Protein backbone atom coordinates (compact mmCIF):
# COMPACT_ATOMS: atom_id res chain seq x y z
CA MET A 1 122.40 9.84 69.47
CA SER A 2 125.27 10.92 67.23
CA TYR A 3 125.93 14.58 66.53
CA SER A 4 127.92 15.93 63.61
CA ARG A 5 130.65 18.51 64.16
CA THR A 6 128.42 21.09 62.46
CA GLN A 7 125.66 20.57 65.03
CA LEU A 8 128.11 20.86 67.92
CA VAL A 9 129.61 24.08 66.53
CA LEU A 10 126.09 25.43 65.98
CA GLY A 11 125.44 24.89 69.70
CA VAL A 12 128.46 27.05 70.57
CA LYS A 13 127.36 29.78 68.15
CA GLU A 14 123.82 29.77 69.55
CA HIS A 15 125.25 30.03 73.07
CA LEU A 16 127.21 33.14 72.07
CA LEU A 17 124.30 34.63 70.11
CA ALA A 18 122.09 34.22 73.19
CA GLY A 19 124.46 36.59 74.99
CA HIS A 20 126.35 34.05 77.10
CA PRO A 21 130.13 34.17 77.52
CA ILE A 22 132.25 31.10 76.84
CA THR A 23 135.78 29.83 77.49
CA GLN A 24 137.75 27.08 75.76
CA LEU A 25 137.14 24.82 78.77
CA GLU A 26 133.36 25.32 78.58
CA CYS A 27 133.44 24.75 74.82
CA ILE A 28 135.09 21.36 75.30
CA VAL A 29 133.17 20.18 78.37
CA LEU A 30 129.67 21.46 77.56
CA PHE A 31 129.61 21.33 73.75
CA GLY A 32 132.25 18.78 72.76
CA VAL A 33 133.94 21.24 70.41
CA PRO A 34 137.74 21.06 70.75
CA SER A 35 138.60 24.34 69.01
CA LEU A 36 136.83 27.48 70.21
CA THR A 37 139.45 29.50 68.33
CA LYS A 38 138.10 28.22 65.00
CA VAL A 39 134.50 29.07 65.95
CA ILE A 40 135.48 32.59 67.08
CA SER A 41 137.58 33.14 63.96
CA ASP A 42 134.73 32.04 61.68
CA MET A 43 132.23 34.27 63.48
CA ARG A 44 134.56 37.28 63.23
CA ARG A 45 134.99 36.57 59.52
CA ASP A 46 131.17 36.56 59.22
CA GLY A 47 131.08 40.08 60.69
CA TYR A 48 130.35 39.45 64.37
CA VAL A 49 132.21 41.55 66.92
CA ILE A 50 133.61 39.17 69.51
CA LYS A 51 135.22 40.63 72.65
CA SER A 52 137.53 38.81 75.05
CA LYS A 53 139.06 39.14 78.50
CA ARG A 54 140.96 36.99 80.98
CA VAL A 55 138.89 35.45 83.80
CA PRO A 56 139.84 33.21 86.73
CA PHE A 57 139.54 29.47 86.14
CA VAL A 58 137.15 29.32 89.08
CA ALA A 59 134.64 31.58 87.25
CA ALA A 60 134.46 29.20 84.28
CA LEU A 61 134.34 26.23 86.64
CA ARG A 62 131.35 27.74 88.46
CA ARG A 63 129.44 28.15 85.16
CA ILE A 64 130.29 24.61 84.03
CA ASN A 65 129.09 23.18 87.33
CA GLU A 66 125.64 24.71 86.74
CA SER A 67 125.14 22.15 83.94
CA ALA A 68 127.71 19.42 84.54
CA THR A 69 130.13 18.27 87.21
CA LEU A 70 133.78 19.12 86.82
CA GLU A 71 136.23 18.79 89.68
CA PRO A 72 139.75 20.13 89.14
CA PRO A 73 142.78 18.38 90.65
CA ARG A 74 143.36 19.36 94.28
CA ASN A 75 146.79 20.81 93.56
CA LEU A 76 145.59 23.07 90.72
CA PRO A 77 145.69 26.74 91.82
CA VAL A 78 142.20 27.57 90.46
CA LYS A 79 142.34 31.16 91.73
CA GLU A 80 145.60 31.93 89.93
CA VAL A 81 144.95 30.15 86.62
CA THR A 82 143.14 32.28 84.04
CA LEU A 83 141.23 31.49 80.87
CA THR A 84 140.18 33.70 77.99
CA GLU A 85 136.45 34.38 77.97
CA TYR A 86 134.71 35.42 74.75
CA TRP A 87 131.35 37.09 74.26
CA LEU A 88 129.39 38.69 71.46
CA SER A 89 129.46 42.49 71.56
CA ARG A 90 126.08 44.10 70.95
């Protein structure tokens, strides 16, 4: 089944609207959307309040591995690497 970019972006927006946080890595791996920045920017322009914070890579990896399997390289310091996590403020 082929999905259009609009459908993939809609999946990311629905994820955020459901109250779930997301990182760029999760956006790519779980939704196939290469630019979370564009999605966040568009949502902010539409009036949504999107918050962000830095989280350890391992936290995002744990969430990804609930739905898919992602194994980082052995030499990657997963506890030191951080990603920006975004969520919808209520």
